[in-house]
Amino acid sequence: ASANVFVSNYRIRALDKLGIGWEEMHAKHPHIIWAVLT
């Protein structure tokens, strides 16, 4: 809620499992830049 950017290079399914995948995070924090390296 306080951040501008979230960055991760964990696998997408791991992020989804933790509730910090793109869809869930964008719905809850639409201001966040969600950046991933796969």
Full PDB file with SEQRES, HELIX, SHEET, SSBOND, CRYST1, ORIGX, SCALE, CONECT and MASTER records, all heavy atoms in Angstrom:
SEQRES   1 A   38  ALA SER ALA ASN VAL PHE VAL SER ASN TYR ARG ILE ARG          
SEQRES   2 A   38  ALA LEU ASP LYS LEU GLY ILE GLY TRP GLU GLU MET HIS          
SEQRES   3 A   38  ALA LYS HIS PRO HIS ILE ILE TRP ALA VAL LEU THR              
HELIX    1 AA1 ILE A   12  LYS A   17  1                                   6    
HELIX    2 AA2 TRP A   22  LYS A   28  1                                   7    
SHEET    1 AA1 2 VAL A   5  SER A   8  0                                        
SHEET    2 AA1 2 ILE A  33  VAL A  36  1                                        
CRYST1    1.000    1.000    1.000  90.00  90.00  90.00 P 1           1          
ORIGX1      1.000000  0.000000  0.000000        0.00000                         
ORIGX2      0.000000  1.000000  0.000000        0.00000                         
ORIGX3      0.000000  0.000000  1.000000        0.00000                         
SCALE1      1.000000  0.000000  0.000000        0.00000                         
SCALE2      0.000000  1.000000  0.000000        0.00000                         
SCALE3      0.000000  0.000000  1.000000        0.00000                         
ATOM      1  N   ALA A   1       0.822  -1.208   0.000  1.00  0.00           N  
ATOM      2  CA  ALA A   1       0.000   0.000   0.000  1.00  0.00           C  
ATOM      3  C   ALA A   1       0.857   1.261   0.000  1.00  0.00           C  
ATOM      4  O   ALA A   1       0.446   2.309  -0.512  1.00  0.00           O  
ATOM      5  CB  ALA A   1      -0.935  -0.001   1.204  1.00  0.00           C  
ATOM      6  N   SER A   2       2.066   1.144   0.553  1.00  0.00           N  
ATOM      7  CA  SER A   2       2.953   2.305   0.657  1.00  0.00           C  
ATOM      8  C   SER A   2       3.970   2.382  -0.474  1.00  0.00           C  
ATOM      9  O   SER A   2       4.742   3.337  -0.543  1.00  0.00           O  
ATOM     10  CB  SER A   2       3.700   2.252   1.992  1.00  0.00           C  
ATOM     11  OG  SER A   2       4.680   1.202   1.979  1.00  0.00           O  
ATOM     12  N   ALA A   3       3.998   1.368  -1.325  1.00  0.00           N  
ATOM     13  CA  ALA A   3       5.063   1.253  -2.327  1.00  0.00           C  
ATOM     14  C   ALA A   3       4.601   1.682  -3.709  1.00  0.00           C  
ATOM     15  O   ALA A   3       3.405   1.768  -3.992  1.00  0.00           O  
ATOM     16  CB  ALA A   3       5.578  -0.181  -2.374  1.00  0.00           C  
ATOM     17  N   ASN A   4       5.580   1.918  -4.573  1.00  0.00           N  
ATOM     18  CA  ASN A   4       5.319   2.203  -5.989  1.00  0.00           C  
ATOM     19  C   ASN A   4       5.486   0.980  -6.868  1.00  0.00           C  
ATOM     20  O   ASN A   4       4.799   0.829  -7.883  1.00  0.00           O  
ATOM     21  CB  ASN A   4       6.281   3.287  -6.499  1.00  0.00           C  
ATOM     22  CG  ASN A   4       6.153   4.590  -5.763  1.00  0.00           C  
ATOM     23  OD1 ASN A   4       6.812   4.793  -4.749  1.00  0.00           O  
ATOM     24  ND2 ASN A   4       5.305   5.485  -6.256  1.00  0.00           N  
ATOM     25  N   VAL A   5       6.426   0.110  -6.468  1.00  0.00           N  
ATOM     26  CA  VAL A   5       6.847  -0.978  -7.357  1.00  0.00           C  
ATOM     27  C   VAL A   5       7.011  -2.262  -6.557  1.00  0.00           C  
ATOM     28  O   VAL A   5       7.547  -2.250  -5.439  1.00  0.00           O  
ATOM     29  CB  VAL A   5       8.193  -0.641  -8.048  1.00  0.00           C  
ATOM     30  CG1 VAL A   5       8.589  -1.743  -9.029  1.00  0.00           C  
ATOM     31  CG2 VAL A   5       8.145   0.715  -8.753  1.00  0.00           C  
ATOM     32  N   PHE A   6       6.567  -3.367  -7.147  1.00  0.00           N  
ATOM     33  CA  PHE A   6       6.827  -4.709  -6.637  1.00  0.00           C  
ATOM     34  C   PHE A   6       7.609  -5.451  -7.713  1.00  0.00           C  
ATOM     35  O   PHE A   6       7.204  -5.480  -8.878  1.00  0.00           O  
ATOM     36  CB  PHE A   6       5.509  -5.436  -6.347  1.00  0.00           C  
ATOM     37  CG  PHE A   6       5.661  -6.902  -6.065  1.00  0.00           C  
ATOM     38  CD1 PHE A   6       5.956  -7.356  -4.792  1.00  0.00           C  
ATOM     39  CD2 PHE A   6       5.507  -7.841  -7.083  1.00  0.00           C  
ATOM     40  CE1 PHE A   6       6.094  -8.722  -4.529  1.00  0.00           C  
ATOM     41  CE2 PHE A   6       5.644  -9.209  -6.835  1.00  0.00           C  
ATOM     42  CZ  PHE A   6       5.938  -9.647  -5.553  1.00  0.00           C  
ATOM     43  N   VAL A   7       8.736  -6.059  -7.338  1.00  0.00           N  
ATOM     44  CA  VAL A   7       9.588  -6.756  -8.301  1.00  0.00           C  
ATOM     45  C   VAL A   7       9.832  -8.183  -7.818  1.00  0.00           C  
ATOM     46  O   VAL A   7      10.136  -8.403  -6.633  1.00  0.00           O  
ATOM     47  CB  VAL A   7      10.961  -6.061  -8.477  1.00  0.00           C  
ATOM     48  CG1 VAL A   7      11.730  -6.688  -9.642  1.00  0.00           C  
ATOM     49  CG2 VAL A   7      10.802  -4.566  -8.691  1.00  0.00           C  
ATOM     50  N   SER A   8       9.723  -9.143  -8.727  1.00  0.00           N  
ATOM     51  CA  SER A   8      10.009 -10.529  -8.350  1.00  0.00           C  
ATOM     52  C   SER A   8      10.513 -11.324  -9.545  1.00  0.00           C  
ATOM     53  O   SER A   8      10.151 -11.033 -10.688  1.00  0.00           O  
ATOM     54  CB  SER A   8       8.753 -11.203  -7.788  1.00  0.00           C  
ATOM     55  OG  SER A   8       9.081 -12.497  -7.295  1.00  0.00           O  
ATOM     56  N   ASN A   9      11.348 -12.318  -9.261  1.00  0.00           N  
ATOM     57  CA  ASN A   9      11.710 -13.299 -10.277  1.00  0.00           C  
ATOM     58  C   ASN A   9      11.417 -14.721  -9.808  1.00  0.00           C  
ATOM     59  O   ASN A   9      11.978 -15.684 -10.323  1.00  0.00           O  
ATOM     60  CB  ASN A   9      13.177 -13.154 -10.710  1.00  0.00           C  
ATOM     61  CG  ASN A   9      14.164 -13.343  -9.574  1.00  0.00           C  
ATOM     62  OD1 ASN A   9      13.815 -13.274  -8.394  1.00  0.00           O  
ATOM     63  ND2 ASN A   9      15.427 -13.575  -9.912  1.00  0.00           N  
ATOM     64  N   TYR A  10      10.512 -14.844  -8.820  1.00  0.00           N  
ATOM     65  CA  TYR A  10       9.970 -16.164  -8.491  1.00  0.00           C  
ATOM     66  C   TYR A  10       9.000 -16.582  -9.597  1.00  0.00           C  
ATOM     67  O   TYR A  10       8.476 -15.744 -10.337  1.00  0.00           O  
ATOM     68  CB  TYR A  10       9.247 -16.130  -7.152  1.00  0.00           C  
ATOM     69  CG  TYR A  10      10.175 -16.098  -5.959  1.00  0.00           C  
ATOM     70  CD1 TYR A  10      10.513 -14.887  -5.349  1.00  0.00           C  
ATOM     71  CD2 TYR A  10      10.717 -17.269  -5.444  1.00  0.00           C  
ATOM     72  CE1 TYR A  10      11.368 -14.851  -4.249  1.00  0.00           C  
ATOM     73  CE2 TYR A  10      11.578 -17.239  -4.348  1.00  0.00           C  
ATOM     74  CZ  TYR A  10      11.901 -16.031  -3.758  1.00  0.00           C  
ATOM     75  OH  TYR A  10      12.750 -16.003  -2.685  1.00  0.00           O  
ATOM     76  N   ARG A  11       8.755 -17.888  -9.682  1.00  0.00           N  
ATOM     77  CA  ARG A  11       7.827 -18.361 -10.708  1.00  0.00           C  
ATOM     78  C   ARG A  11       6.411 -17.834 -10.453  1.00  0.00           C  
ATOM     79  O   ARG A  11       6.014 -17.636  -9.302  1.00  0.00           O  
ATOM     80  CB  ARG A  11       7.855 -19.881 -10.772  1.00  0.00           C  
ATOM     81  CG  ARG A  11       9.065 -20.391 -11.548  1.00  0.00           C  
ATOM     82  CD  ARG A  11       9.041 -21.897 -11.716  1.00  0.00           C  
ATOM     83  NE  ARG A  11       9.880 -22.559 -10.738  1.00  0.00           N  
ATOM     84  CZ  ARG A  11      10.153 -23.864 -10.755  1.00  0.00           C  
ATOM     85  NH1 ARG A  11       9.625 -24.638 -11.689  1.00  0.00           N  
ATOM     86  NH2 ARG A  11      10.930 -24.396  -9.843  1.00  0.00           N  
ATOM     87  N   ILE A  12       5.678 -17.610 -11.538  1.00  0.00           N  
ATOM     88  CA  ILE A  12       4.359 -16.988 -11.446  1.00  0.00           C  
ATOM     89  C   ILE A  12       3.424 -17.791 -10.551  1.00  0.00           C  
ATOM     90  O   ILE A  12       2.675 -17.224  -9.741  1.00  0.00           O  
ATOM     91  CB  ILE A  12       3.743 -16.814 -12.853  1.00  0.00           C  
ATOM     92  CG1 ILE A  12       4.663 -15.955 -13.729  1.00  0.00           C  
ATOM     93  CG2 ILE A  12       2.355 -16.205 -12.756  1.00  0.00           C  
ATOM     94  CD1 ILE A  12       4.943 -14.571 -13.193  1.00  0.00           C  
ATOM     95  N   ARG A  13       3.461 -19.108 -10.655  1.00  0.00           N  
ATOM     96  CA  ARG A  13       2.553 -19.910  -9.845  1.00  0.00           C  
ATOM     97  C   ARG A  13       2.862 -19.771  -8.363  1.00  0.00           C  
ATOM     98  O   ARG A  13       1.959 -19.857  -7.511  1.00  0.00           O  
ATOM     99  CB  ARG A  13       2.583 -21.369 -10.283  1.00  0.00           C  
ATOM    100  CG  ARG A  13       3.907 -22.088 -10.079  1.00  0.00           C  
ATOM    101  CD  ARG A  13       3.868 -23.486 -10.683  1.00  0.00           C  
ATOM    102  NE  ARG A  13       5.132 -24.185 -10.514  1.00  0.00           N  
ATOM    103  CZ  ARG A  13       5.436 -25.314 -11.147  1.00  0.00           C  
ATOM    104  NH1 ARG A  13       4.567 -25.844 -11.994  1.00  0.00           N  
ATOM    105  NH2 ARG A  13       6.597 -25.906 -10.952  1.00  0.00           N  
ATOM    106  N   ALA A  14       4.132 -19.534  -8.018  1.00  0.00           N  
ATOM    107  CA  ALA A  14       4.496 -19.312  -6.616  1.00  0.00           C  
ATOM    108  C   ALA A  14       3.932 -17.982  -6.122  1.00  0.00           C  
ATOM    109  O   ALA A  14       3.430 -17.882  -4.993  1.00  0.00           O  
ATOM    110  CB  ALA A  14       6.011 -19.340  -6.451  1.00  0.00           C  
ATOM    111  N   LEU A  15       3.993 -16.951  -6.966  1.00  0.00           N  
ATOM    112  CA  LEU A  15       3.428 -15.656  -6.594  1.00  0.00           C  
ATOM    113  C   LEU A  15       1.914 -15.751  -6.439  1.00  0.00           C  
ATOM    114  O   LEU A  15       1.337 -15.193  -5.497  1.00  0.00           O  
ATOM    115  CB  LEU A  15       3.794 -14.598  -7.644  1.00  0.00           C  
ATOM    116  CG  LEU A  15       5.288 -14.326  -7.846  1.00  0.00           C  
ATOM    117  CD1 LEU A  15       5.493 -13.270  -8.934  1.00  0.00           C  
ATOM    118  CD2 LEU A  15       5.941 -13.866  -6.544  1.00  0.00           C  
ATOM    119  N   ASP A  16       1.269 -16.453  -7.364  1.00  0.00           N  
ATOM    120  CA  ASP A  16      -0.192 -16.630  -7.268  1.00  0.00           C  
ATOM    121  C   ASP A  16      -0.575 -17.347  -5.974  1.00  0.00           C  
ATOM    122  O   ASP A  16      -1.550 -16.981  -5.313  1.00  0.00           O  
ATOM    123  CB  ASP A  16      -0.708 -17.423  -8.469  1.00  0.00           C  
ATOM    124  CG  ASP A  16      -0.668 -16.618  -9.766  1.00  0.00           C  
ATOM    125  OD1 ASP A  16      -0.632 -15.369  -9.693  1.00  0.00           O  
ATOM    126  OD2 ASP A  16      -0.681 -17.247 -10.845  1.00  0.00           O  
ATOM    127  N   LYS A  17       0.202 -18.361  -5.623  1.00  0.00           N  
ATOM    128  CA  LYS A  17      -0.086 -19.140  -4.413  1.00  0.00           C  
ATOM    129  C   LYS A  17       0.019 -18.278  -3.159  1.00  0.00           C  
ATOM    130  O   LYS A  17      -0.731 -18.477  -2.192  1.00  0.00           O  
ATOM    131  CB  LYS A  17       0.886 -20.321  -4.339  1.00  0.00           C  
ATOM    132  CG  LYS A  17       0.545 -21.340  -3.261  1.00  0.00           C  
ATOM    133  CD  LYS A  17       1.474 -22.549  -3.362  1.00  0.00           C  
ATOM    134  CE  LYS A  17       1.119 -23.589  -2.288  1.00  0.00           C  
ATOM    135  NZ  LYS A  17       2.010 -24.774  -2.380  1.00  0.00           N  
ATOM    136  N   LEU A  18       0.938 -17.297  -3.182  1.00  0.00           N  
ATOM    137  CA  LEU A  18       1.123 -16.408  -2.030  1.00  0.00           C  
ATOM    138  C   LEU A  18       0.150 -15.229  -2.040  1.00  0.00           C  
ATOM    139  O   LEU A  18       0.157 -14.407  -1.116  1.00  0.00           O  
ATOM    140  CB  LEU A  18       2.565 -15.884  -2.006  1.00  0.00           C  
ATOM    141  CG  LEU A  18       3.652 -16.907  -1.655  1.00  0.00           C  
ATOM    142  CD1 LEU A  18       5.031 -16.327  -1.928  1.00  0.00           C  
ATOM    143  CD2 LEU A  18       3.526 -17.344  -0.192  1.00  0.00           C  
ATOM    144  N   GLY A  19      -0.655 -15.142  -3.098  1.00  0.00           N  
ATOM    145  CA  GLY A  19      -1.617 -14.042  -3.185  1.00  0.00           C  
ATOM    146  C   GLY A  19      -1.017 -12.734  -3.653  1.00  0.00           C  
ATOM    147  O   GLY A  19      -1.589 -11.657  -3.435  1.00  0.00           O  
ATOM    148  N   ILE A  20       0.138 -12.809  -4.321  1.00  0.00           N  
ATOM    149  CA  ILE A  20       0.783 -11.584  -4.809  1.00  0.00           C  
ATOM    150  C   ILE A  20       1.052 -11.672  -6.320  1.00  0.00           C  
ATOM    151  O   ILE A  20       1.981 -11.059  -6.833  1.00  0.00           O  
ATOM    152  CB  ILE A  20       2.097 -11.282  -4.040  1.00  0.00           C  
ATOM    153  CG1 ILE A  20       2.994 -12.519  -3.939  1.00  0.00           C  
ATOM    154  CG2 ILE A  20       1.790 -10.734  -2.662  1.00  0.00           C  
ATOM    155  CD1 ILE A  20       4.312 -12.278  -3.224  1.00  0.00           C  
ATOM    156  N   GLY A  21       0.207 -12.458  -7.011  1.00  0.00           N  
ATOM    157  CA  GLY A  21       0.241 -12.459  -8.466  1.00  0.00           C  
ATOM    158  C   GLY A  21      -0.386 -11.181  -9.004  1.00  0.00           C  
ATOM    159  O   GLY A  21      -0.948 -10.363  -8.268  1.00  0.00           O  
ATOM    160  N   TRP A  22      -0.319 -11.012 -10.319  1.00  0.00           N  
ATOM    161  CA  TRP A  22      -0.766  -9.767 -10.947  1.00  0.00           C  
ATOM    162  C   TRP A  22      -2.244  -9.479 -10.699  1.00  0.00           C  
ATOM    163  O   TRP A  22      -2.604  -8.378 -10.267  1.00  0.00           O  
ATOM    164  CB  TRP A  22      -0.479  -9.792 -12.439  1.00  0.00           C  
ATOM    165  CG  TRP A  22      -1.214  -8.739 -13.233  1.00  0.00           C  
ATOM    166  CD1 TRP A  22      -2.181  -8.952 -14.170  1.00  0.00           C  
ATOM    167  CD2 TRP A  22      -1.035  -7.319 -13.155  1.00  0.00           C  
ATOM    168  NE1 TRP A  22      -2.623  -7.754 -14.686  1.00  0.00           N  
ATOM    169  CE2 TRP A  22      -1.938  -6.735 -14.073  1.00  0.00           C  
ATOM    170  CE3 TRP A  22      -0.224  -6.480 -12.387  1.00  0.00           C  
ATOM    171  CZ2 TRP A  22      -2.045  -5.358 -14.262  1.00  0.00           C  
ATOM    172  CZ3 TRP A  22      -0.323  -5.095 -12.576  1.00  0.00           C  
ATOM    173  CH2 TRP A  22      -1.217  -4.548 -13.493  1.00  0.00           C  
ATOM    174  N   GLU A  23      -3.117 -10.431 -10.956  1.00  0.00           N  
ATOM    175  CA  GLU A  23      -4.553 -10.160 -10.868  1.00  0.00           C  
ATOM    176  C   GLU A  23      -4.956  -9.738  -9.459  1.00  0.00           C  
ATOM    177  O   GLU A  23      -5.642  -8.725  -9.269  1.00  0.00           O  
ATOM    178  CB  GLU A  23      -5.364 -11.386 -11.306  1.00  0.00           C  
ATOM    179  CG  GLU A  23      -5.368 -11.639 -12.799  1.00  0.00           C  
ATOM    180  CD  GLU A  23      -4.093 -12.328 -13.290  1.00  0.00           C  
ATOM    181  OE1 GLU A  23      -3.289 -12.759 -12.424  1.00  0.00           O  
ATOM    182  OE2 GLU A  23      -3.912 -12.428 -14.509  1.00  0.00           O  
ATOM    183  N   GLU A  24      -4.516 -10.514  -8.472  1.00  0.00           N  
ATOM    184  CA  GLU A  24      -4.902 -10.206  -7.099  1.00  0.00           C  
ATOM    185  C   GLU A  24      -4.288  -8.897  -6.624  1.00  0.00           C  
ATOM    186  O   GLU A  24      -4.950  -8.073  -5.982  1.00  0.00           O  
ATOM    187  CB  GLU A  24      -4.503 -11.357  -6.173  1.00  0.00           C  
ATOM    188  CG  GLU A  24      -5.063 -11.218  -4.776  1.00  0.00           C  
ATOM    189  CD  GLU A  24      -4.927 -12.490  -3.959  1.00  0.00           C  
ATOM    190  OE1 GLU A  24      -4.695 -13.576  -4.553  1.00  0.00           O  
ATOM    191  OE2 GLU A  24      -5.074 -12.414  -2.720  1.00  0.00           O  
ATOM    192  N   MET A  25      -3.018  -8.680  -6.950  1.00  0.00           N  
ATOM    193  CA  MET A  25      -2.375  -7.458  -6.495  1.00  0.00           C  
ATOM    194  C   MET A  25      -2.954  -6.223  -7.190  1.00  0.00           C  
ATOM    195  O   MET A  25      -3.190  -5.186  -6.552  1.00  0.00           O  
ATOM    196  CB  MET A  25      -0.859  -7.514  -6.729  1.00  0.00           C  
ATOM    197  CG  MET A  25      -0.120  -6.349  -6.048  1.00  0.00           C  
ATOM    198  SD  MET A  25       1.667  -6.390  -6.259  1.00  0.00           S  
ATOM    199  CE  MET A  25       2.082  -7.884  -5.394  1.00  0.00           C  
ATOM    200  N   HIS A  26      -3.212  -6.327  -8.488  1.00  0.00           N  
ATOM    201  CA  HIS A  26      -3.744  -5.171  -9.216  1.00  0.00           C  
ATOM    202  C   HIS A  26      -5.147  -4.819  -8.731  1.00  0.00           C  
ATOM    203  O   HIS A  26      -5.520  -3.638  -8.669  1.00  0.00           O  
ATOM    204  CB  HIS A  26      -3.758  -5.461 -10.712  1.00  0.00           C  
ATOM    205  CG  HIS A  26      -4.141  -4.277 -11.548  1.00  0.00           C  
ATOM    206  ND1 HIS A  26      -3.410  -3.109 -11.563  1.00  0.00           N  
ATOM    207  CD2 HIS A  26      -5.198  -4.074 -12.384  1.00  0.00           C  
ATOM    208  CE1 HIS A  26      -3.975  -2.236 -12.378  1.00  0.00           C  
ATOM    209  NE2 HIS A  26      -5.075  -2.798 -12.874  1.00  0.00           N  
ATOM    210  N   ALA A  27      -5.916  -5.844  -8.379  1.00  0.00           N  
ATOM    211  CA  ALA A  27      -7.264  -5.579  -7.867  1.00  0.00           C  
ATOM    212  C   ALA A  27      -7.212  -4.862  -6.518  1.00  0.00           C  
ATOM    213  O   ALA A  27      -8.020  -3.962  -6.249  1.00  0.00           O  
ATOM    214  CB  ALA A  27      -8.031  -6.894  -7.744  1.00  0.00           C  
ATOM    215  N   LYS A  28      -6.255  -5.247  -5.687  1.00  0.00           N  
ATOM    216  CA  LYS A  28      -6.171  -4.683  -4.344  1.00  0.00           C  
ATOM    217  C   LYS A  28      -5.359  -3.398  -4.290  1.00  0.00           C  
ATOM    218  O   LYS A  28      -5.663  -2.484  -3.513  1.00  0.00           O  
ATOM    219  CB  LYS A  28      -5.553  -5.724  -3.395  1.00  0.00           C  
ATOM    220  CG  LYS A  28      -5.775  -5.406  -1.929  1.00  0.00           C  
ATOM    221  CD  LYS A  28      -5.425  -6.616  -1.076  1.00  0.00           C  
ATOM    222  CE  LYS A  28      -5.856  -6.389   0.365  1.00  0.00           C  
ATOM    223  NZ  LYS A  28      -5.559  -7.568   1.215  1.00  0.00           N  
ATOM    224  N   HIS A  29      -4.315  -3.327  -5.118  1.00  0.00           N  
ATOM    225  CA  HIS A  29      -3.421  -2.164  -5.130  1.00  0.00           C  
ATOM    226  C   HIS A  29      -3.237  -1.688  -6.581  1.00  0.00           C  
ATOM    227  O   HIS A  29      -2.184  -1.925  -7.189  1.00  0.00           O  
ATOM    228  CB  HIS A  29      -2.066  -2.519  -4.519  1.00  0.00           C  
ATOM    229  CG  HIS A  29      -2.130  -3.027  -3.114  1.00  0.00           C  
ATOM    230  ND1 HIS A  29      -2.435  -2.219  -2.037  1.00  0.00           N  
ATOM    231  CD2 HIS A  29      -1.949  -4.280  -2.613  1.00  0.00           C  
ATOM    232  CE1 HIS A  29      -2.422  -2.947  -0.927  1.00  0.00           C  
ATOM    233  NE2 HIS A  29      -2.136  -4.195  -1.249  1.00  0.00           N  
ATOM    234  N   PRO A  30      -4.237  -1.060  -7.164  1.00  0.00           N  
ATOM    235  CA  PRO A  30      -4.163  -0.712  -8.593  1.00  0.00           C  
ATOM    236  C   PRO A  30      -3.062   0.281  -8.939  1.00  0.00           C  
ATOM    237  O   PRO A  30      -2.730   0.439 -10.119  1.00  0.00           O  
ATOM    238  CB  PRO A  30      -5.549  -0.114  -8.871  1.00  0.00           C  
ATOM    239  CG  PRO A  30      -6.078   0.295  -7.529  1.00  0.00           C  
ATOM    240  CD  PRO A  30      -5.523  -0.679  -6.559  1.00  0.00           C  
ATOM    241  N   HIS A  31      -2.472   0.904  -7.921  1.00  0.00           N  
ATOM    242  CA  HIS A  31      -1.387   1.855  -8.188  1.00  0.00           C  
ATOM    243  C   HIS A  31      -0.043   1.163  -8.390  1.00  0.00           C  
ATOM    244  O   HIS A  31       0.904   1.775  -8.893  1.00  0.00           O  
ATOM    245  CB  HIS A  31      -1.249   2.822  -7.007  1.00  0.00           C  
ATOM    246  CG  HIS A  31      -0.684   2.173  -5.775  1.00  0.00           C  
ATOM    247  ND1 HIS A  31      -1.409   1.305  -4.980  1.00  0.00           N  
ATOM    248  CD2 HIS A  31       0.563   2.228  -5.218  1.00  0.00           C  
ATOM    249  CE1 HIS A  31      -0.651   0.877  -3.986  1.00  0.00           C  
ATOM    250  NE2 HIS A  31       0.555   1.416  -4.100  1.00  0.00           N  
ATOM    251  N   ILE A  32       0.051  -0.111  -8.010  1.00  0.00           N  
ATOM    252  CA  ILE A  32       1.346  -0.802  -7.968  1.00  0.00           C  
ATOM    253  C   ILE A  32       1.841  -1.187  -9.361  1.00  0.00           C  
ATOM    254  O   ILE A  32       1.086  -1.710 -10.188  1.00  0.00           O  
ATOM    255  CB  ILE A  32       1.250  -2.071  -7.089  1.00  0.00           C  
ATOM    256  CG1 ILE A  32       1.431  -1.710  -5.620  1.00  0.00           C  
ATOM    257  CG2 ILE A  32       2.290  -3.107  -7.465  1.00  0.00           C  
ATOM    258  CD1 ILE A  32       2.865  -1.534  -5.182  1.00  0.00           C  
ATOM    259  N   ILE A  33       3.122  -0.934  -9.602  1.00  0.00           N  
ATOM    260  CA  ILE A  33       3.812  -1.482 -10.772  1.00  0.00           C  
ATOM    261  C   ILE A  33       4.284  -2.880 -10.383  1.00  0.00           C  
ATOM    262  O   ILE A  33       5.076  -3.043  -9.455  1.00  0.00           O  
ATOM    263  CB  ILE A  33       4.998  -0.601 -11.176  1.00  0.00           C  
ATOM    264  CG1 ILE A  33       4.507   0.780 -11.644  1.00  0.00           C  
ATOM    265  CG2 ILE A  33       5.842  -1.276 -12.266  1.00  0.00           C  
ATOM    266  CD1 ILE A  33       5.585   1.839 -11.689  1.00  0.00           C  
ATOM    267  N   TRP A  34       3.743  -3.878 -11.063  1.00  0.00           N  
ATOM    268  CA  TRP A  34       4.050  -5.285 -10.777  1.00  0.00           C  
ATOM    269  C   TRP A  34       5.025  -5.754 -11.849  1.00  0.00           C  
ATOM    270  O   TRP A  34       4.663  -5.914 -13.013  1.00  0.00           O  
ATOM    271  CB  TRP A  34       2.751  -6.089 -10.806  1.00  0.00           C  
ATOM    272  CG  TRP A  34       2.820  -7.534 -10.422  1.00  0.00           C  
ATOM    273  CD1 TRP A  34       2.725  -8.060  -9.176  1.00  0.00           C  
ATOM    274  CD2 TRP A  34       2.906  -8.662 -11.309  1.00  0.00           C  
ATOM    275  NE1 TRP A  34       2.768  -9.443  -9.214  1.00  0.00           N  
ATOM    276  CE2 TRP A  34       2.874  -9.843 -10.523  1.00  0.00           C  
ATOM    277  CE3 TRP A  34       3.013  -8.794 -12.701  1.00  0.00           C  
ATOM    278  CZ2 TRP A  34       2.947 -11.119 -11.077  1.00  0.00           C  
ATOM    279  CZ3 TRP A  34       3.087 -10.061 -13.243  1.00  0.00           C  
ATOM    280  CH2 TRP A  34       3.056 -11.211 -12.433  1.00  0.00           C  
ATOM    281  N   ALA A  35       6.285  -5.919 -11.479  1.00  0.00           N  
ATOM    282  CA  ALA A  35       7.338  -6.223 -12.449  1.00  0.00           C  
ATOM    283  C   ALA A  35       7.919  -7.602 -12.163  1.00  0.00           C  
ATOM    284  O   ALA A  35       8.345  -7.873 -11.034  1.00  0.00           O  
ATOM    285  CB  ALA A  35       8.438  -5.170 -12.395  1.00  0.00           C  
ATOM    286  N   VAL A  36       7.926  -8.452 -13.177  1.00  0.00           N  
ATOM    287  CA  VAL A  36       8.457  -9.798 -12.990  1.00  0.00           C  
ATOM    288  C   VAL A  36       9.467 -10.145 -14.076  1.00  0.00           C  
ATOM    289  O   VAL A  36       9.366  -9.692 -15.219  1.00  0.00           O  
ATOM    290  CB  VAL A  36       7.338 -10.869 -12.979  1.00  0.00           C  
ATOM    291  CG1 VAL A  36       6.449 -10.710 -11.766  1.00  0.00           C  
ATOM    292  CG2 VAL A  36       6.529 -10.836 -14.261  1.00  0.00           C  
ATOM    293  N   LEU A  37      10.433 -10.943 -13.665  1.00  0.00           N  
ATOM    294  CA  LEU A  37      11.424 -11.486 -14.574  1.00  0.00           C  
ATOM    295  C   LEU A  37      11.283 -13.002 -14.521  1.00  0.00           C  
ATOM    296  O   LEU A  37      11.492 -13.607 -13.479  1.00  0.00           O  
ATOM    297  CB  LEU A  37      12.826 -11.046 -14.161  1.00  0.00           C  
ATOM    298  CG  LEU A  37      13.966 -11.356 -15.125  1.00  0.00           C  
ATOM    299  CD1 LEU A  37      15.088 -10.347 -14.945  1.00  0.00           C  
ATOM    300  CD2 LEU A  37      14.515 -12.767 -14.912  1.00  0.00           C  
ATOM    301  N   THR A  38      10.880 -13.590 -15.641  1.00  0.00           N  
ATOM    302  CA  THR A  38      10.658 -15.033 -15.691  1.00  0.00           C  
ATOM    303  C   THR A  38      11.799 -15.712 -16.438  1.00  0.00           C  
ATOM    304  O   THR A  38      12.650 -15.054 -17.038  1.00  0.00           O  
ATOM    305  CB  THR A  38       9.334 -15.346 -16.405  1.00  0.00           C  
ATOM    306  OG1 THR A  38       9.469 -15.033 -17.798  1.00  0.00           O  
ATOM    307  CG2 THR A  38       8.182 -14.548 -15.815  1.00  0.00           C  
TER     308      THR A  38                                                      
MASTER        0    0    0    2    2    0    0    6  307    1    0    3          
END                                                                             
